[in-house]
Structure formats: C-alpha cells, structure tokens
Amino acid sequence: MEENKKFEFYGKSFGPWIPILFMIAGMIVSTVTHSGGLQRLCLLAFISLALSFFLMKDKKHFGQISLKGLQNPMLGTIVMAFLMAGILSQLLRQSGLINSLILVVAKLDLNVGFLPLVGFITCMLISTSCGTSTGSVAAVAPVLIPLAASLQVDVGLMCGALISGAIFGDNVAPISDTTISSALTQEAQVSDVVRTRLPFAATSAVVSAILFVVIGLRMGSGDAAHIVLEQVGFKPLVLLVLPLTMVFMMRKGWDLVGTLVVCNVLGIVLNLILGCISPQAMVSAEGPVIAGMGGMLQLVLYVMLLFQVLEALICSGAFDALGEQLMKVCKSPRSGELICYVVASLGSAASGGSGIAIIFFGSLVRKITKTLHIDRCRGANILDGVACGATGLLPYGNPVLVSLGVVLTLENFNPDFSFLNIMPYTFHCWGLLIIFLISILTGIGRKFETEE
C-alpha cells in the first residue's frame, strides 16, 4: 500500500463522511433518549467502521488502513494513560478518601447558608484528586442534597454547586480523561496544559464561590449544618500526596505514563501501610488494580474503533479537504479559535459528554491551531474548558442526571423539579464558557508557536 495514496469511496466526496455522520447522529439519538453509554458508543463505532469498509472501493487494503489507525503513537499513549489513570482513581476512591474529605467539612459546623459553598469545594477536591466529575457528584450528592432539603436550602442551588465543583476537577485534574485527551490530541504535555488552564479555571471558580456564598446566605436559615458520617477516619487524607506527587513529577519532566506508574505503586504501598485497603481486596477482582483497568476497557475499545474510522477518513483525503474549507473561514486566530469553541460545544451536545467530544474532534481542532500557529496548550484549553462547561449544562449529561436521580429519592420530592431548576446555578460551567469566549474575542492569553 502506497504511503500517501488517496482511497476513493462510493458517493464521491460525501461518501467518506457517511460513517462519521452516522456516528454523530447515533450519539445524538442515544443521549436524547437516555440510551447512551460507552457500550452504545462502541456499537456505533463498529457500525461506522463497517460502513467505511463497504463504502471504500479498494476493500483489499482496508485492513492495512485500520492497522495504520491502531499504530498511531497517540493511540498507544492514550490507552496506557487511561488504564493507569483508572487504577489511580480507584486507589483514591476505594481508600475512603471521599468520605474523609466530607468528614473534614462536617467538622466545621458552618452556617446553613454556606452549605452550597461546602458542596462546591468538596466536589472540587474530590474531582481534582480522582479525576472524575460523575463519580464526585455520585459520592457527595446522597449526603448533601438530602441535608440541603431538610434545612430548606434550595435543592437546585445545591445541585448546581455539586456539578460546578465536579466540572472544575474534570477540567484541571491531571488524571482526568478530558485533561489527558485534550493534551495528547493537541500534541501538548499534560503538565503544561494543566498549568496554563489553571488561571481560567481558578477565575471562574472564585466567582462561582462568591455567588454560592451570596445566594446561599440569602436562602439559608442561619442555623448550623450538621453532617453525620459513621466509621470514617482521617487516615485516607494521606493519599492526597498522590496527585501532588504527580504534578511534581510532571513539572520535573517525567512523561505521563511513567508518572502514573510511579504514583500507582506509591498508592498501593500507602493503602496497604495505612490499612485503607487490605491485601486481599487489593488483588481481588473488585480491587483498585483490576477494577481500575476494567473500568477503562470500554473507553479504550471505543477509542481504538474511533481511530480506525478516522484513519479511513484521513486516507480518503476528506479530512484534509475539510481542513482546507475551514481554513477559508478561519481568516484570523480569533475566527479559528471561535471555530474550535463551536466544535467543542456542539461535540459535547452531540455525544453527551466532554471526554468523547474531545477525542472525536481533537484532531480537527489541532489542524486549525497548527495552521494558524496557535499555541498547542491554548487549543487544548479551549477544547477542554468549553467541552467540560457545556457538559455540565446538558440536561442529559451524567452530572445532571446523577443529581436529578438523588433528588427523586427525597421524601418530599417536588414533581415539577427538573434540570431547569439546576441550570441557573451551575455557575462554574457557565463561567468556563463565558471566560473562554471573552478570551477568544479579546485575545487575552493567546500565544503563538514558531515553526520550530
């Protein structure tokens, strides 16, 4: 097979796009009908791969094209990073760290009006440590949402605080799938990406915290909020050294996979020494090592199928043709970044999540930023920040659905309560969308790369 040979599809220039359009349409239908999930995405990716095969005229070389997609160095790094990050996330979660963080908050006995701020900060800490937005909301919501309802704190405000805090960590955590994907698809270092996006995320978080305090105090009764947790200690807090170690090592020049391996080994040792996880549990099927890798397998499978579908698109020349057409619209760095902004937000709306949107549209964003010589970290931050912010506002996004699920279990559940009661209070999600839009329009934070 010739290295740069262009392969023809039935349907002429539209043919190569049929599998991709089918996948996007399937994502939209799945998310709207709440029948999404990685299993459905894997099915859609497989059908798209089959469509590519039947639409390609030279079927004899299709296997070589698929293999070329699997040989992409970026794919290998993403797969290893996801597996290692899955283990680290489980080591932190199964250690009891989440309940220990909630216990720290419980000891403060704050005014009821500060409860939304407490929820916001708690989810920030958990999601930044463990790299999961949905998991953070699922861990904290069963404790704080019923407490907020019993203390007459607006439940929509509390849900918005939890979602906002969870999205903060999803956006900046070094082990978050969105951080890893946005960095690798933009050919950037994770440490550089995290460092450069912190000012944007921190600015939005500070404004959000102020709003949660102001509105919370207006709605609160002034009594103290008492959070009751049984059989919870402070020992798991020692595990916070793991994300700190990860950041330190990457700042020293370590690559992502090597850093994750070291942190995983350190996490296993600390959990065993502290007694947070027993040796039997550590090596069991439900333990952090097996469960951590197993939880990532469907995502890995989807990414592998997606790279094969995208490789067929690239080999047809259709991807380059799209890039050329987009560059006619992207007449300046500002217009190019606006296209990236739109792609990230629409991608999240189509897929129902930030991680999938980043992987799916990352190569397109990189083509735009590379052509315009925009700094690769800048492209990664726009892609990740906008995708994460949009996901927190989707009525069918996982953080919103988890919150609504907990609200449904309340004794005095309001049947009229919906995502519309939550959306006005997801301040950090709105903040990310607004702050990156302002940055694009004004050029604040925009940097360029030289040819070297």
Protein backbone atom coordinates (compact mmCIF):
# COMPACT_ATOMS: atom_id res chain seq x y z
CA MET A 1 0.00 0.00 0.00
CA GLU A 2 1.40 3.37 -1.01
CA GLU A 3 2.08 5.65 1.96
CA ASN A 4 0.25 8.76 0.69
CA LYS A 5 -2.26 7.09 -1.62
CA LYS A 6 -5.81 8.54 -1.52
CA PHE A 7 -8.55 5.90 -1.40
CA GLU A 8 -11.82 6.50 -3.19
CA PHE A 9 -15.26 6.00 -1.65
CA TYR A 10 -18.64 5.41 -3.22
CA GLY A 11 -20.63 8.64 -3.00
CA LYS A 12 -17.66 10.72 -4.17
CA SER A 13 -16.63 13.46 -1.73
CA PHE A 14 -19.64 12.82 0.54
CA GLY A 15 -19.01 9.07 0.87
CA PRO A 16 -16.15 9.19 3.44
CA TRP A 17 -18.29 11.32 5.75
CA ILE A 18 -21.26 8.94 5.88
CA PRO A 19 -19.77 6.74 8.68
CA ILE A 20 -18.85 9.82 10.74
CA LEU A 21 -22.26 11.43 10.27
CA PHE A 22 -23.92 8.15 11.21
CA MET A 23 -21.90 8.02 14.43
CA ILE A 24 -22.73 11.62 15.36
CA ALA A 25 -26.44 11.07 14.61
CA GLY A 26 -26.36 7.92 16.73
CA MET A 27 -24.76 9.83 19.61
CA ILE A 28 -27.46 12.50 19.47
CA VAL A 29 -30.30 9.95 19.42
CA SER A 30 -28.71 7.93 22.24
CA THR A 31 -28.16 10.91 24.52
CA VAL A 32 -31.60 12.42 23.91
CA THR A 33 -33.33 9.07 24.53
CA HIS A 34 -31.10 8.35 27.57
CA SER A 35 -29.86 5.14 25.97
CA GLY A 36 -26.27 6.26 25.70
CA GLY A 37 -23.21 4.97 27.49
CA LEU A 38 -19.93 3.56 26.26
CA GLN A 39 -21.49 0.26 25.18
CA ARG A 40 -23.76 2.09 22.76
CA LEU A 41 -20.84 4.23 21.55
CA CYS A 42 -18.76 1.11 20.87
CA LEU A 43 -21.66 -0.32 18.86
CA LEU A 44 -21.97 2.90 16.86
CA ALA A 45 -18.21 2.96 16.23
CA PHE A 46 -18.24 -0.65 14.99
CA ILE A 47 -21.14 0.04 12.62
CA SER A 48 -19.31 3.14 11.35
CA LEU A 49 -16.19 1.07 10.75
CA ALA A 50 -18.27 -1.46 8.78
CA LEU A 51 -19.82 1.37 6.76
CA SER A 52 -16.35 2.63 5.91
CA PHE A 53 -15.42 -0.83 4.65
CA PHE A 54 -18.46 -1.18 2.38
CA LEU A 55 -18.17 2.39 1.08
CA MET A 56 -14.46 2.12 0.24
CA LYS A 57 -13.82 0.96 -3.31
CA ASP A 58 -10.44 -0.69 -2.59
CA LYS A 59 -11.58 -3.17 0.07
CA LYS A 60 -8.45 -5.32 -0.23
CA HIS A 61 -6.37 -2.71 1.61
CA PHE A 62 -8.95 -1.79 4.25
CA GLY A 63 -7.26 -3.99 6.85
CA GLN A 64 -3.96 -2.17 6.33
CA ILE A 65 -5.72 1.17 6.75
CA SER A 66 -7.32 0.00 10.01
CA LEU A 67 -3.94 -1.26 11.24
CA LYS A 68 -2.40 2.11 10.41
CA GLY A 69 -5.00 3.74 12.66
CA LEU A 70 -4.10 1.36 15.51
CA GLN A 71 -0.39 2.11 15.02
CA ASN A 72 -0.92 5.81 15.74
CA PRO A 73 1.52 6.69 18.59
CA MET A 74 -1.12 8.96 20.11
CA LEU A 75 -3.49 6.00 20.46
CA GLY A 76 -0.89 3.96 22.35
CA THR A 77 -0.24 6.81 24.77
CA ILE A 78 -3.97 7.42 25.32
CA VAL A 79 -4.64 3.72 26.01
CA MET A 80 -1.82 3.40 28.54
CA ALA A 81 -2.70 6.71 30.19
CA PHE A 82 -6.37 5.73 30.54
CA LEU A 83 -5.52 2.35 32.09
CA MET A 84 -3.01 3.80 34.55
CA ALA A 85 -5.33 6.72 35.43
CA GLY A 86 -8.15 4.24 36.06
CA ILE A 87 -6.03 2.41 38.65
CA LEU A 88 -5.00 5.63 40.39
CA SER A 89 -8.60 6.85 40.52
CA GLN A 90 -9.76 3.60 42.12
CA LEU A 91 -6.88 3.64 44.62
CA LEU A 92 -8.03 7.06 45.81
CA ARG A 93 -11.74 6.24 45.83
CA GLN A 94 -11.50 2.81 47.49
CA SER A 95 -9.18 4.18 50.16
CA GLY A 96 -12.09 6.10 51.69
CA LEU A 97 -10.65 9.47 50.70
CA ILE A 98 -14.04 10.81 49.58
CA ASN A 99 -15.72 10.26 52.96
CA SER A 100 -12.66 11.64 54.74
CA LEU A 101 -12.91 14.87 52.77
CA ILE A 102 -16.61 15.12 53.62
CA LEU A 103 -15.72 14.47 57.29
CA VAL A 104 -13.31 17.42 57.26
CA VAL A 105 -16.16 19.62 56.03
CA ALA A 106 -18.54 18.15 58.62
CA LYS A 107 -16.23 19.16 61.48
CA LEU A 108 -16.60 22.83 60.53
CA ASP A 109 -20.31 23.11 61.53
CA LEU A 110 -20.90 26.05 59.21
CA ASN A 111 -23.96 28.24 58.79
CA VAL A 112 -26.61 26.59 56.61
CA GLY A 113 -26.14 29.34 54.04
CA PHE A 114 -22.60 28.14 53.42
CA LEU A 115 -23.78 24.62 52.55
CA PRO A 116 -23.72 25.21 48.75
CA LEU A 117 -20.14 26.50 49.06
CA VAL A 118 -19.27 23.41 51.09
CA GLY A 119 -20.69 21.20 48.35
CA PHE A 120 -18.83 23.14 45.68
CA ILE A 121 -15.46 22.89 47.45
CA THR A 122 -15.94 19.23 48.41
CA CYS A 123 -16.65 18.21 44.82
CA MET A 124 -13.72 20.34 43.66
CA LEU A 125 -11.36 18.46 45.97
CA ILE A 126 -12.71 15.02 45.09
CA SER A 127 -12.86 15.54 41.32
CA THR A 128 -9.41 17.15 41.24
CA SER A 129 -7.97 14.26 43.26
CA CYS A 130 -9.78 11.41 41.49
CA GLY A 131 -10.30 12.92 38.03
CA THR A 132 -14.00 12.14 37.72
CA SER A 133 -16.95 14.52 37.58
CA THR A 134 -19.74 11.94 37.60
CA GLY A 135 -18.10 9.97 40.40
CA SER A 136 -17.70 13.11 42.51
CA VAL A 137 -21.38 14.02 42.22
CA ALA A 138 -22.40 10.41 42.88
CA ALA A 139 -20.27 10.35 46.04
CA VAL A 140 -21.37 13.67 47.55
CA ALA A 141 -24.97 14.11 46.33
CA PRO A 142 -26.52 11.37 48.55
CA VAL A 143 -25.13 13.16 51.61
CA LEU A 144 -25.53 16.86 50.86
CA ILE A 145 -28.69 17.03 48.72
CA PRO A 146 -30.98 15.43 51.38
CA LEU A 147 -29.25 17.59 54.01
CA ALA A 148 -29.91 20.72 51.94
CA ALA A 149 -33.58 19.75 51.50
CA SER A 150 -34.04 19.13 55.24
CA LEU A 151 -32.53 22.55 56.04
CA GLN A 152 -34.68 24.38 53.45
CA VAL A 153 -31.69 25.19 51.24
CA ASP A 154 -32.71 25.43 47.59
CA VAL A 155 -32.11 21.95 46.15
CA GLY A 156 -31.43 23.34 42.66
CA LEU A 157 -28.73 25.59 44.13
CA MET A 158 -27.11 22.62 45.89
CA CYS A 159 -27.20 20.50 42.71
CA GLY A 160 -25.63 23.36 40.77
CA ALA A 161 -22.87 23.67 43.38
CA LEU A 162 -22.04 19.95 43.23
CA ILE A 163 -22.00 19.89 39.42
CA SER A 164 -19.85 23.03 39.31
CA GLY A 165 -17.28 21.59 41.70
CA ALA A 166 -17.18 18.30 39.82
CA ILE A 167 -16.64 20.02 36.47
CA PHE A 168 -13.78 22.07 37.95
CA GLY A 169 -11.80 18.93 38.74
CA ASP A 170 -12.74 17.24 35.48
CA ASN A 171 -11.25 20.24 33.68
CA VAL A 172 -7.96 20.55 35.62
CA ALA A 173 -7.16 17.15 37.18
CA PRO A 174 -4.01 15.63 35.61
CA ILE A 175 -5.61 12.16 35.70
CA SER A 176 -8.93 13.26 34.21
CA ASP A 177 -9.74 11.64 30.87
CA THR A 178 -10.53 15.07 29.43
CA THR A 179 -7.18 16.51 30.51
CA ILE A 180 -5.28 13.56 29.09
CA SER A 181 -7.25 13.55 25.83
CA SER A 182 -7.09 17.31 25.28
CA ALA A 183 -3.33 17.36 25.86
CA LEU A 184 -2.49 14.35 23.69
CA THR A 185 -4.78 15.26 20.79
CA GLN A 186 -3.15 18.70 20.71
CA GLU A 187 0.38 17.26 20.95
CA ALA A 188 0.97 19.02 24.28
CA GLN A 189 2.37 17.99 27.66
CA VAL A 190 -0.24 17.34 30.37
CA SER A 191 1.74 19.39 32.90
CA ASP A 192 1.87 22.39 30.56
CA VAL A 193 -1.82 22.10 29.79
CA VAL A 194 -2.81 21.99 33.46
CA ARG A 195 -0.53 24.90 34.34
CA THR A 196 -1.86 27.16 31.58
CA ARG A 197 -5.54 26.40 32.14
CA LEU A 198 -5.50 26.95 35.90
CA PRO A 199 -5.84 30.77 35.66
CA PHE A 200 -9.04 30.37 33.59
CA ALA A 201 -10.49 27.67 35.84
CA ALA A 202 -9.47 29.45 39.06
CA THR A 203 -11.02 32.75 37.96
CA SER A 204 -14.32 31.06 37.19
CA ALA A 205 -14.15 29.08 40.46
CA VAL A 206 -13.57 32.17 42.61
CA VAL A 207 -16.53 34.00 41.05
CA SER A 208 -18.65 30.86 41.44
CA ALA A 209 -17.69 30.52 45.12
CA ILE A 210 -18.70 34.11 45.80
CA LEU A 211 -22.06 33.58 44.11
CA PHE A 212 -22.70 30.38 46.09
CA VAL A 213 -22.00 32.25 49.33
CA VAL A 214 -24.14 35.29 48.48
CA ILE A 215 -27.13 33.32 47.21
CA GLY A 216 -26.74 30.60 49.85
CA LEU A 217 -26.80 33.10 52.72
CA ARG A 218 -29.93 34.72 51.26
CA MET A 219 -31.69 31.35 51.14
CA GLY A 220 -30.29 29.89 54.38
CA SER A 221 -31.87 29.93 57.82
CA GLY A 222 -28.70 30.82 59.72
CA ASP A 223 -28.59 27.53 61.70
CA ALA A 224 -25.55 25.25 61.76
CA ALA A 225 -25.46 22.35 59.30
CA HIS A 226 -24.58 19.03 60.96
CA ILE A 227 -23.31 16.29 58.64
CA VAL A 228 -23.31 12.82 60.23
CA LEU A 229 -20.93 10.13 58.94
CA GLU A 230 -20.26 6.79 60.64
CA GLN A 231 -16.97 4.85 60.74
CA VAL A 232 -14.95 7.46 58.87
CA GLY A 233 -11.40 8.44 59.76
CA PHE A 234 -8.77 10.87 58.59
CA LYS A 235 -6.07 8.37 57.52
CA PRO A 236 -7.08 8.32 53.83
CA LEU A 237 -6.24 12.04 53.63
CA VAL A 238 -2.60 10.95 53.37
CA LEU A 239 -3.48 9.73 49.84
CA LEU A 240 -3.71 13.37 48.73
CA VAL A 241 0.05 13.12 48.35
CA LEU A 242 -0.55 11.14 45.13
CA PRO A 243 -1.96 13.92 42.94
CA LEU A 244 0.64 16.28 44.42
CA THR A 245 3.39 13.80 43.53
CA MET A 246 2.00 13.51 40.03
CA VAL A 247 2.08 17.26 39.46
CA PHE A 248 5.62 17.49 40.91
CA MET A 249 6.97 14.69 38.71
CA MET A 250 5.48 16.10 35.51
CA ARG A 251 6.89 19.54 36.35
CA LYS A 252 10.28 17.81 36.57
CA GLY A 253 9.93 16.46 33.04
CA TRP A 254 8.55 12.96 33.61
CA ASP A 255 6.19 11.68 30.92
CA LEU A 256 2.56 10.96 31.77
CA VAL A 257 2.61 7.14 31.69
CA GLY A 258 5.80 6.86 33.76
CA THR A 259 4.40 9.31 36.31
CA LEU A 260 1.16 7.34 36.62
CA VAL A 261 3.05 4.06 37.13
CA VAL A 262 5.10 5.57 39.98
CA CYS A 263 2.00 7.13 41.60
CA ASN A 264 0.08 3.85 41.31
CA VAL A 265 2.86 1.89 43.03
CA LEU A 266 3.10 4.56 45.74
CA GLY A 267 -0.70 4.47 46.15
CA ILE A 268 -0.72 0.70 46.57
CA VAL A 269 2.03 0.87 49.20
CA LEU A 270 0.37 3.71 51.15
CA ASN A 271 -3.04 2.00 51.15
CA LEU A 272 -1.51 -1.23 52.46
CA ILE A 273 0.57 0.53 55.14
CA LEU A 274 -2.35 2.68 56.33
CA GLY A 275 -4.75 -0.27 56.25
CA CYS A 276 -7.17 1.60 53.99
CA ILE A 277 -7.28 -1.35 51.58
CA SER A 278 -6.45 -4.90 52.70
CA PRO A 279 -4.01 -7.09 50.73
CA GLN A 280 -6.87 -9.42 49.81
CA ALA A 281 -9.00 -6.56 48.50
CA MET A 282 -6.06 -5.06 46.64
CA VAL A 283 -5.64 -8.17 44.44
CA SER A 284 -9.34 -9.07 44.15
CA ALA A 285 -11.45 -8.65 41.02
CA GLU A 286 -13.19 -5.67 42.67
CA GLY A 287 -9.89 -4.20 43.91
CA PRO A 288 -8.42 -0.94 42.62
CA VAL A 289 -5.95 -2.50 40.15
CA ILE A 290 -8.32 -4.85 38.31
CA ALA A 291 -11.39 -2.61 38.67
CA GLY A 292 -9.39 0.46 37.65
CA MET A 293 -8.22 -1.08 34.39
CA GLY A 294 -11.52 -2.88 33.80
CA GLY A 295 -13.49 0.32 34.16
CA MET A 296 -11.48 1.85 31.33
CA LEU A 297 -11.69 -1.07 28.89
CA GLN A 298 -14.87 0.06 27.14
CA LEU A 299 -13.46 3.55 26.72
CA VAL A 300 -10.23 2.06 25.33
CA LEU A 301 -12.24 -0.13 22.92
CA TYR A 302 -14.22 2.87 21.71
CA VAL A 303 -11.06 4.93 21.16
CA MET A 304 -9.45 2.09 19.18
CA LEU A 305 -12.50 1.77 16.92
CA LEU A 306 -12.69 5.54 16.53
CA PHE A 307 -9.04 5.78 15.44
CA GLN A 308 -9.72 3.17 12.75
CA VAL A 309 -12.76 5.06 11.48
CA LEU A 310 -10.84 8.34 11.45
CA GLU A 311 -7.90 6.74 9.63
CA ALA A 312 -10.22 5.68 6.81
CA LEU A 313 -11.46 9.27 6.63
CA ILE A 314 -7.90 10.60 6.55
CA CYS A 315 -6.78 8.15 3.85
CA SER A 316 -9.66 9.29 1.63
CA GLY A 317 -8.35 12.87 1.69
CA ALA A 318 -11.71 14.09 3.01
CA PHE A 319 -10.25 15.27 6.31
CA ASP A 320 -7.64 17.42 4.58
CA ALA A 321 -10.35 18.81 2.30
CA LEU A 322 -12.47 19.78 5.34
CA GLY A 323 -9.46 21.43 6.91
CA GLU A 324 -8.88 23.46 3.77
CA GLN A 325 -12.51 24.59 3.72
CA LEU A 326 -12.44 25.54 7.40
CA MET A 327 -9.24 27.50 6.91
CA LYS A 328 -11.09 29.65 4.38
CA VAL A 329 -13.40 30.64 7.25
CA CYS A 330 -10.56 30.89 9.78
CA LYS A 331 -9.02 34.06 8.39
CA SER A 332 -7.52 35.04 11.74
CA PRO A 333 -6.55 33.43 15.06
CA ARG A 334 -9.77 34.78 16.57
CA SER A 335 -12.03 33.20 13.96
CA GLY A 336 -10.02 29.98 14.17
CA GLU A 337 -10.47 29.80 17.92
CA LEU A 338 -14.18 30.56 17.56
CA ILE A 339 -14.49 27.55 15.25
CA CYS A 340 -12.73 25.44 17.90
CA TYR A 341 -15.14 26.83 20.52
CA VAL A 342 -18.19 25.89 18.45
CA VAL A 343 -16.80 22.44 17.61
CA ALA A 344 -16.14 21.66 21.30
CA SER A 345 -19.57 22.80 22.49
CA LEU A 346 -21.51 21.09 19.69
CA GLY A 347 -19.40 17.95 20.12
CA SER A 348 -20.34 17.74 23.81
CA ALA A 349 -24.01 18.31 22.99
CA ALA A 350 -23.89 15.55 20.37
CA SER A 351 -22.03 12.98 22.47
CA GLY A 352 -23.45 13.87 25.89
CA GLY A 353 -20.01 14.13 27.45
CA SER A 354 -16.77 16.09 27.30
CA GLY A 355 -14.30 13.21 27.03
CA ILE A 356 -15.81 11.66 23.92
CA ALA A 357 -16.18 15.06 22.23
CA ILE A 358 -12.52 15.88 22.87
CA ILE A 359 -11.28 12.60 21.41
CA PHE A 360 -13.65 12.81 18.46
CA PHE A 361 -12.94 16.42 17.42
CA GLY A 362 -9.43 16.86 18.85
CA SER A 363 -7.65 16.24 15.55
CA LEU A 364 -9.80 18.84 13.80
CA VAL A 365 -9.02 21.46 16.46
CA ARG A 366 -5.30 20.64 16.22
CA LYS A 367 -5.36 21.11 12.45
CA ILE A 368 -6.81 24.60 12.89
CA THR A 369 -4.42 25.69 15.67
CA LYS A 370 -1.41 24.19 13.91
CA THR A 371 -2.18 26.00 10.66
CA LEU A 372 -2.63 29.32 12.48
CA HIS A 373 0.44 28.66 14.69
CA ILE A 374 -1.68 28.98 17.84
CA ASP A 375 -0.03 27.54 20.93
CA ARG A 376 -0.98 23.88 21.38
CA CYS A 377 -1.82 24.38 25.07
CA ARG A 378 -4.17 27.18 24.07
CA GLY A 379 -6.01 24.81 21.73
CA ALA A 380 -6.16 22.11 24.42
CA ASN A 381 -7.53 24.53 26.99
CA ILE A 382 -10.26 25.89 24.73
CA LEU A 383 -11.23 22.36 23.71
CA ASP A 384 -11.32 21.03 27.28
CA GLY A 385 -12.77 24.08 29.02
CA VAL A 386 -15.63 24.52 26.57
CA ALA A 387 -16.39 20.79 26.38
CA CYS A 388 -16.46 20.43 30.18
CA GLY A 389 -18.52 23.58 30.66
CA ALA A 390 -21.07 22.50 28.06
CA THR A 391 -21.36 19.00 29.56
CA GLY A 392 -22.29 20.44 32.97
CA LEU A 393 -25.21 22.27 31.36
CA LEU A 394 -26.64 19.37 29.37
CA PRO A 395 -29.95 18.03 30.74
CA TYR A 396 -28.81 14.56 29.65
CA GLY A 397 -25.22 14.93 30.88
CA ASN A 398 -24.16 12.46 33.57
CA PRO A 399 -23.54 15.02 36.38
CA VAL A 400 -27.04 16.47 35.93
CA LEU A 401 -28.68 13.05 35.67
CA VAL A 402 -26.97 11.83 38.86
CA SER A 403 -28.14 14.92 40.74
CA LEU A 404 -31.69 14.51 39.49
CA GLY A 405 -31.60 10.85 40.47
CA VAL A 406 -30.79 11.75 44.07
CA VAL A 407 -33.49 14.43 44.14
CA LEU A 408 -36.04 11.79 43.06
CA THR A 409 -35.31 9.85 46.26
CA LEU A 410 -36.24 12.73 48.57
CA GLU A 411 -39.32 12.17 50.73
CA ASN A 412 -40.94 15.48 49.87
CA PHE A 413 -39.88 15.40 46.23
CA ASN A 414 -41.28 18.21 44.08
CA PRO A 415 -42.69 16.55 40.93
CA ASP A 416 -42.11 19.78 38.98
CA PHE A 417 -38.36 19.78 39.76
CA SER A 418 -36.23 19.39 36.61
CA PHE A 419 -32.87 20.35 35.13
CA LEU A 420 -34.32 23.87 34.64
CA ASN A 421 -34.11 24.28 38.43
CA ILE A 422 -30.40 23.41 38.31
CA MET A 423 -29.07 25.18 35.22
CA PRO A 424 -29.21 28.75 36.60
CA TYR A 425 -26.89 27.68 39.45
CA THR A 426 -24.18 25.74 37.61
CA PHE A 427 -22.04 28.86 37.89
CA HIS A 428 -18.67 27.30 37.10
CA CYS A 429 -19.99 25.67 33.93
CA TRP A 430 -21.36 28.99 32.70
CA GLY A 431 -18.14 30.62 33.86
CA LEU A 432 -15.92 28.36 31.74
CA LEU A 433 -17.98 29.06 28.62
CA ILE A 434 -18.01 32.81 29.25
CA ILE A 435 -14.36 33.18 30.24
CA PHE A 436 -13.06 31.30 27.20
CA LEU A 437 -15.37 33.22 24.88
CA ILE A 438 -14.07 36.51 26.31
CA SER A 439 -10.50 35.24 25.99
CA ILE A 440 -11.06 34.36 22.33
CA LEU A 441 -12.74 37.67 21.47
CA THR A 442 -10.17 39.81 23.28
CA GLY A 443 -7.08 37.69 22.64
CA ILE A 444 -6.23 37.50 26.36
CA GLY A 445 -3.96 34.50 26.98
CA ARG A 446 -3.43 33.79 23.28
CA LYS A 447 0.10 32.65 22.44
CA PHE A 448 1.72 31.56 19.20
CA GLU A 449 4.29 28.96 18.24
CA THR A 450 7.22 29.36 15.89
CA GLU A 451 7.89 26.98 13.01
CA GLU A 452 10.39 25.11 15.20
